[in-house]
Amino acid sequence: MKKIYKNYPEYDRELSEHYGSTNHCTVIALAVAFCLSTGKAYNACKIAGSRKDWKGIGYFEWHKLIKSVAKRFNYKLEKIEGLAGRTLTQVMRELSNKDTYIININGHTCAYRKGILEDWTNPKYSGRRSMPRHKVNSITRVYK
C-alpha cells in the first residue's frame, strides 16, 4: 500500500468539498497517523458506525476505531504516559520529531507527525499567533 503524506489543509479541503463534511478532526487525525487517503479514513469512521456527518466521534468509540484500523493496516499503538494534563505546547516539546502521535484533547483529536501538528490549532494553518492552551487527555504513538 502506498503511503499518503498530505497536510491538514489538503485533508480539510477534500473533506469539505468532496464529502460535505464538517467537524472532521477525527477523520484527519486517522488519515495523518495511518497514512491513509481521505476516503479510506472517512469510510473507516463511517463503517465504525460511530461517526455521523457533521458530528464528531466519542472518546471511547475513537479508541476502539484506532485499534481496529491499526490492526487492519499492521500498525502498533503505544499509549504515552505522564504527559496528560499538560498543554498542547508543553506536550509537543516532549514528543519525538521522528514519530507520529494521536493527541486527544477535551472534545478534539489531532495528529502530530514528524514535528508538525496537523490540525487547525497549528498557527501555521489557522493564522493565530500562538498555540491554544488546551489540556491534553491522552497521547498514542502510532508506528509500524
Protein backbone atom coordinates (compact mmCIF):
# COMPACT_ATOMS: atom_id res chain seq x y z
CA MET A 1 0.00 0.00 0.00
CA LYS A 2 1.33 3.39 -0.98
CA LYS A 3 1.80 5.80 1.94
CA ILE A 4 -0.01 9.09 1.66
CA TYR A 5 1.53 12.22 3.10
CA LYS A 6 -0.82 15.17 2.99
CA ASN A 7 -1.07 18.07 5.38
CA TYR A 8 -4.05 19.35 7.31
CA PRO A 9 -5.31 21.91 4.75
CA GLU A 10 -5.34 19.30 1.97
CA TYR A 11 -7.39 16.84 4.03
CA ASP A 12 -9.69 19.60 5.26
CA ARG A 13 -10.37 20.85 1.72
CA GLU A 14 -11.10 17.35 0.41
CA LEU A 15 -13.46 16.53 3.27
CA SER A 16 -15.32 19.82 2.90
CA GLU A 17 -15.58 19.82 -0.90
CA HIS A 18 -15.99 16.13 -1.76
CA TYR A 19 -17.77 14.81 1.32
CA GLY A 20 -19.54 17.93 2.60
CA SER A 21 -18.11 17.11 6.00
CA THR A 22 -17.52 19.36 8.98
CA ASN A 23 -16.21 18.59 12.46
CA HIS A 24 -13.84 16.06 10.94
CA CYS A 25 -10.82 16.29 13.27
CA THR A 26 -11.02 12.54 13.93
CA VAL A 27 -11.03 11.70 10.21
CA ILE A 28 -7.98 13.89 9.58
CA ALA A 29 -6.11 12.54 12.63
CA LEU A 30 -6.80 8.99 11.45
CA ALA A 31 -5.65 9.76 7.89
CA VAL A 32 -2.47 11.51 9.04
CA ALA A 33 -1.50 8.96 11.69
CA PHE A 34 -2.03 5.89 9.50
CA CYS A 35 -1.03 7.47 6.14
CA LEU A 36 -4.48 6.83 4.66
CA SER A 37 -6.32 8.53 1.84
CA THR A 38 -9.16 10.85 2.78
CA GLY A 39 -11.73 8.35 1.54
CA LYS A 40 -10.30 5.41 3.49
CA ALA A 41 -10.20 7.41 6.72
CA TYR A 42 -13.70 8.83 6.17
CA ASN A 43 -15.15 5.40 5.41
CA ALA A 44 -13.38 3.76 8.36
CA CYS A 45 -15.12 6.25 10.65
CA LYS A 46 -18.46 5.69 8.89
CA ILE A 47 -18.16 1.90 8.98
CA ALA A 48 -17.36 2.02 12.68
CA GLY A 49 -20.89 3.38 12.92
CA SER A 50 -19.99 5.95 15.48
CA ARG A 51 -19.33 9.00 13.29
CA LYS A 52 -22.29 10.71 11.72
CA ASP A 53 -21.93 13.53 9.18
CA TRP A 54 -21.40 16.96 10.75
CA LYS A 55 -20.73 15.43 14.15
CA GLY A 56 -17.62 14.13 15.78
CA ILE A 57 -16.94 10.77 17.38
CA GLY A 58 -16.94 9.88 21.06
CA TYR A 59 -13.74 9.28 23.03
CA PHE A 60 -14.30 5.56 23.68
CA GLU A 61 -15.56 4.86 20.16
CA TRP A 62 -12.46 6.65 18.85
CA HIS A 63 -10.11 4.37 20.79
CA LYS A 64 -11.91 1.26 19.52
CA LEU A 65 -11.68 2.64 15.99
CA ILE A 66 -7.94 3.35 16.06
CA LYS A 67 -7.29 -0.12 17.47
CA SER A 68 -9.21 -1.74 14.62
CA VAL A 69 -7.53 0.45 11.96
CA ALA A 70 -4.09 -0.25 13.45
CA LYS A 71 -4.79 -3.98 13.28
CA ARG A 72 -6.14 -3.77 9.71
CA PHE A 73 -3.13 -1.84 8.37
CA ASN A 74 -0.47 -3.56 10.54
CA TYR A 75 0.38 -0.62 12.80
CA LYS A 76 1.18 -0.75 16.50
CA LEU A 77 -0.12 1.62 19.17
CA GLU A 78 1.62 2.72 22.34
CA LYS A 79 -0.07 4.83 24.97
CA ILE A 80 2.29 7.59 26.20
CA GLU A 81 2.06 8.05 29.95
CA GLY A 82 3.00 11.05 32.07
CA LEU A 83 2.04 13.88 29.71
CA ALA A 84 -1.72 14.05 30.27
CA GLY A 85 -2.86 17.29 31.88
CA ARG A 86 -0.20 19.39 30.19
CA THR A 87 -0.96 21.89 27.45
CA LEU A 88 -0.57 21.01 23.80
CA THR A 89 2.51 23.21 23.51
CA GLN A 90 4.19 21.55 26.50
CA VAL A 91 3.42 18.08 25.14
CA MET A 92 4.81 18.89 21.69
CA ARG A 93 8.14 19.88 23.25
CA GLU A 94 8.38 16.42 24.85
CA LEU A 95 7.41 14.30 21.82
CA SER A 96 9.90 12.96 19.31
CA ASN A 97 10.07 14.80 15.99
CA LYS A 98 10.59 11.48 14.22
CA ASP A 99 7.38 9.71 15.27
CA THR A 100 3.64 10.03 14.74
CA TYR A 101 1.17 10.58 17.57
CA ILE A 102 -2.57 10.97 18.04
CA ILE A 103 -3.37 13.54 20.71
CA ASN A 104 -6.76 13.71 22.42
CA ILE A 105 -7.88 16.98 23.92
CA ASN A 106 -11.26 17.51 25.54
CA GLY A 107 -13.69 17.05 22.63
CA HIS A 108 -10.96 17.20 19.98
CA THR A 109 -8.37 14.95 18.33
CA CYS A 110 -5.28 15.90 16.36
CA ALA A 111 -2.24 14.24 14.82
CA TYR A 112 1.40 15.16 15.39
CA ARG A 113 3.61 13.80 12.61
CA LYS A 114 7.37 14.36 12.34
CA GLY A 115 7.36 17.52 14.43
CA ILE A 116 4.32 19.14 12.79
CA LEU A 117 0.89 19.42 14.37
CA GLU A 118 -1.51 18.54 11.54
CA ASP A 119 -4.54 20.37 12.87
CA TRP A 120 -6.37 23.69 12.69
CA THR A 121 -4.88 24.58 16.09
CA ASN A 122 -1.46 24.90 14.43
CA PRO A 123 -0.77 28.65 13.99
CA LYS A 124 0.71 27.89 10.56
CA TYR A 125 -2.75 26.79 9.34
CA SER A 126 -5.05 28.93 11.47
CA GLY A 127 -3.31 32.30 11.31
CA ARG A 128 -3.26 32.52 15.11
CA ARG A 129 -0.25 33.92 16.91
CA SER A 130 0.14 31.07 19.36
CA MET A 131 -0.97 27.55 20.16
CA PRO A 132 -4.14 27.05 22.18
CA ARG A 133 -3.71 26.24 25.84
CA HIS A 134 -5.98 23.21 25.96
CA LYS A 135 -5.08 20.37 28.31
CA VAL A 136 -4.20 17.03 26.75
CA ASN A 137 -6.20 13.96 27.84
CA SER A 138 -4.23 11.18 26.15
CA ILE A 139 -1.45 10.56 23.65
CA THR A 140 -0.99 7.48 21.50
CA ARG A 141 2.13 6.76 19.46
CA VAL A 142 1.47 5.11 16.09
CA TYR A 143 4.25 3.06 14.48
CA LYS A 144 4.92 0.05 12.23
